[in-house]
Amino acid sequence: HADAAYSGKPLADYFAEKGVRNHVHEKGAVNRPLTEEQKHANRRKSTIRARVEHPFAFMEQSLGGIYNRCIGLVRNTHQIGMMNLAYNLCRSAQLLRVTA
């Protein structure tokens, strides 16, 4: 699920060679606008992409970023685990507020 900037024949060929389905957005041009079917497919891809990217955006904006500034694999692993735990707690609180 990549942006339309990554569309093109070389990437499509690479996906076909690896046996991976191509989920890159369709890109229109000035003389060749997207069809309604392509717009619908892009909307469906955007829904999936947003569900994947939102947790990372929350971690970056609310939890101090996604870059680790620790030295050592153990400390970095611990920091990532704590950030994931904090995200899950915030997300569960949000879901509980919605259902209450």
C-alpha atoms as a PDB file:
ATOM      1  CA  HIS A   1       0.000   0.000   0.000  1.00  0.00           C
ATOM      2  CA  ALA A   2       2.292   2.692  -1.252  1.00  0.00           C
ATOM      3  CA  ASP A   3       1.762   6.192  -2.514  1.00  0.00           C
ATOM      4  CA  ALA A   4       1.098   6.828  -6.205  1.00  0.00           C
ATOM      5  CA  ALA A   5       4.582   8.320  -6.498  1.00  0.00           C
ATOM      6  CA  TYR A   6       5.909   4.750  -6.399  1.00  0.00           C
ATOM      7  CA  SER A   7       3.716   3.490  -9.228  1.00  0.00           C
ATOM      8  CA  GLY A   8       5.214   2.442 -12.505  1.00  0.00           C
ATOM      9  CA  LYS A   9       6.230  -0.519 -14.605  1.00  0.00           C
ATOM     10  CA  PRO A  10       9.557  -1.268 -12.841  1.00  0.00           C
ATOM     11  CA  LEU A  11       7.846  -1.644  -9.478  1.00  0.00           C
ATOM     12  CA  ALA A  12       4.965  -3.639 -10.968  1.00  0.00           C
ATOM     13  CA  ASP A  13       7.476  -5.979 -12.622  1.00  0.00           C
ATOM     14  CA  TYR A  14       9.344  -6.356  -9.320  1.00  0.00           C
ATOM     15  CA  PHE A  15       6.131  -7.288  -7.499  1.00  0.00           C
ATOM     16  CA  ALA A  16       5.235  -9.795 -10.220  1.00  0.00           C
ATOM     17  CA  GLU A  17       8.712 -11.325 -10.030  1.00  0.00           C
ATOM     18  CA  LYS A  18       8.388 -11.756  -6.246  1.00  0.00           C
ATOM     19  CA  GLY A  19       4.817 -13.044  -6.477  1.00  0.00           C
ATOM     20  CA  VAL A  20       3.415 -10.124  -4.458  1.00  0.00           C
ATOM     21  CA  ARG A  21       0.116  -8.396  -5.246  1.00  0.00           C
ATOM     22  CA  ASN A  22       0.523  -4.781  -6.262  1.00  0.00           C
ATOM     23  CA  HIS A  23      -1.339  -2.456  -3.862  1.00  0.00           C
ATOM     24  CA  VAL A  24       0.239   0.796  -5.047  1.00  0.00           C
ATOM     25  CA  HIS A  25      -2.244   3.588  -5.776  1.00  0.00           C
ATOM     26  CA  GLU A  26      -3.190   4.294  -9.365  1.00  0.00           C
ATOM     27  CA  LYS A  27      -1.969   7.626 -10.645  1.00  0.00           C
ATOM     28  CA  GLY A  28      -3.825   9.841 -13.077  1.00  0.00           C
ATOM     29  CA  ALA A  29      -2.351  12.312 -15.525  1.00  0.00           C
ATOM     30  CA  VAL A  30      -3.480  15.579 -17.063  1.00  0.00           C
ATOM     31  CA  ASN A  31      -4.781  13.920 -20.215  1.00  0.00           C
ATOM     32  CA  ARG A  32      -5.738  10.640 -18.545  1.00  0.00           C
ATOM     33  CA  PRO A  33      -7.797  11.101 -15.360  1.00  0.00           C
ATOM     34  CA  LEU A  34      -8.592   8.155 -13.121  1.00  0.00           C
ATOM     35  CA  THR A  35     -11.713   6.137 -13.845  1.00  0.00           C
ATOM     36  CA  GLU A  36     -14.364   5.700 -11.147  1.00  0.00           C
ATOM     37  CA  GLU A  37     -13.170   2.118 -10.657  1.00  0.00           C
ATOM     38  CA  GLN A  38      -9.589   3.313 -10.085  1.00  0.00           C
ATOM     39  CA  LYS A  39     -10.792   5.987  -7.649  1.00  0.00           C
ATOM     40  CA  HIS A  40     -12.753   3.359  -5.729  1.00  0.00           C
ATOM     41  CA  ALA A  41      -9.715   1.047  -5.622  1.00  0.00           C
ATOM     42  CA  ASN A  42      -7.515   3.909  -4.364  1.00  0.00           C
ATOM     43  CA  ARG A  43     -10.070   4.708  -1.654  1.00  0.00           C
ATOM     44  CA  ARG A  44     -10.065   1.059  -0.527  1.00  0.00           C
ATOM     45  CA  LYS A  45      -6.254   1.031  -0.444  1.00  0.00           C
ATOM     46  CA  SER A  46      -6.207   4.303   1.505  1.00  0.00           C
ATOM     47  CA  THR A  47      -8.458   2.823   4.185  1.00  0.00           C
ATOM     48  CA  ILE A  48      -6.043  -0.031   4.801  1.00  0.00           C
ATOM     49  CA  ARG A  49      -3.025   2.251   4.644  1.00  0.00           C
ATOM     50  CA  ALA A  50      -4.506   4.668   7.187  1.00  0.00           C
ATOM     51  CA  ARG A  51      -5.176   1.832   9.647  1.00  0.00           C
ATOM     52  CA  VAL A  52      -1.515   0.847   9.419  1.00  0.00           C
ATOM     53  CA  GLU A  53      -0.031   4.354   9.568  1.00  0.00           C
ATOM     54  CA  HIS A  54      -2.146   5.896  12.356  1.00  0.00           C
ATOM     55  CA  PRO A  55      -0.445   4.067  15.256  1.00  0.00           C
ATOM     56  CA  PHE A  56       2.964   5.222  14.025  1.00  0.00           C
ATOM     57  CA  ALA A  57       1.718   8.799  13.672  1.00  0.00           C
ATOM     58  CA  PHE A  58       0.357   8.696  17.225  1.00  0.00           C
ATOM     59  CA  MET A  59       3.662   7.347  18.538  1.00  0.00           C
ATOM     60  CA  GLU A  60       5.599  10.034  16.713  1.00  0.00           C
ATOM     61  CA  GLN A  61       3.374  12.947  17.723  1.00  0.00           C
ATOM     62  CA  SER A  62       2.288  11.993  21.245  1.00  0.00           C
ATOM     63  CA  LEU A  63       4.947   9.668  22.591  1.00  0.00           C
ATOM     64  CA  GLY A  64       8.086  11.503  21.561  1.00  0.00           C
ATOM     65  CA  GLY A  65       8.855  10.016  18.195  1.00  0.00           C
ATOM     66  CA  ILE A  66       9.729   6.650  16.775  1.00  0.00           C
ATOM     67  CA  TYR A  67      13.470   7.129  16.711  1.00  0.00           C
ATOM     68  CA  ASN A  68      15.439   5.357  19.402  1.00  0.00           C
ATOM     69  CA  ARG A  69      18.278   7.190  21.019  1.00  0.00           C
ATOM     70  CA  CYS A  70      19.457   4.335  23.197  1.00  0.00           C
ATOM     71  CA  ILE A  71      22.703   2.471  22.875  1.00  0.00           C
ATOM     72  CA  GLY A  72      22.299  -1.283  22.714  1.00  0.00           C
ATOM     73  CA  LEU A  73      19.758  -3.707  21.359  1.00  0.00           C
ATOM     74  CA  VAL A  74      18.277  -4.526  24.774  1.00  0.00           C
ATOM     75  CA  ARG A  75      17.570  -0.876  25.627  1.00  0.00           C
ATOM     76  CA  ASN A  76      16.130  -0.171  22.188  1.00  0.00           C
ATOM     77  CA  THR A  77      13.923  -3.257  22.394  1.00  0.00           C
ATOM     78  CA  HIS A  78      12.729  -2.171  25.831  1.00  0.00           C
ATOM     79  CA  GLN A  79      11.985   1.370  24.620  1.00  0.00           C
ATOM     80  CA  ILE A  80       9.995   0.101  21.630  1.00  0.00           C
ATOM     81  CA  GLY A  81       8.076  -2.294  23.868  1.00  0.00           C
ATOM     82  CA  MET A  82       7.225   0.478  26.333  1.00  0.00           C
ATOM     83  CA  MET A  83       6.109   2.771  23.510  1.00  0.00           C
ATOM     84  CA  ASN A  84       3.874   0.008  22.120  1.00  0.00           C
ATOM     85  CA  LEU A  85       2.442  -0.581  25.594  1.00  0.00           C
ATOM     86  CA  ALA A  86       1.738   3.140  26.020  1.00  0.00           C
ATOM     87  CA  TYR A  87       0.036   3.254  22.617  1.00  0.00           C
ATOM     88  CA  ASN A  88      -2.104   0.220  23.465  1.00  0.00           C
ATOM     89  CA  LEU A  89      -3.149   1.769  26.797  1.00  0.00           C
ATOM     90  CA  CYS A  90      -4.072   5.064  25.117  1.00  0.00           C
ATOM     91  CA  ARG A  91      -5.958   3.250  22.382  1.00  0.00           C
ATOM     92  CA  SER A  92      -7.873   1.064  24.853  1.00  0.00           C
ATOM     93  CA  ALA A  93      -8.823   4.168  26.885  1.00  0.00           C
ATOM     94  CA  GLN A  94     -10.072   5.782  23.682  1.00  0.00           C
ATOM     95  CA  LEU A  95     -12.130   2.717  22.763  1.00  0.00           C
ATOM     96  CA  LEU A  96     -13.587   2.491  26.282  1.00  0.00           C
ATOM     97  CA  ARG A  97     -14.659   6.152  26.107  1.00  0.00           C
ATOM     98  CA  VAL A  98     -16.453   5.496  22.832  1.00  0.00           C
ATOM     99  CA  THR A  99     -18.343   2.456  24.132  1.00  0.00           C
ATOM    100  CA  ALA A 100     -19.222   3.992  27.520  1.00  0.00           C
END
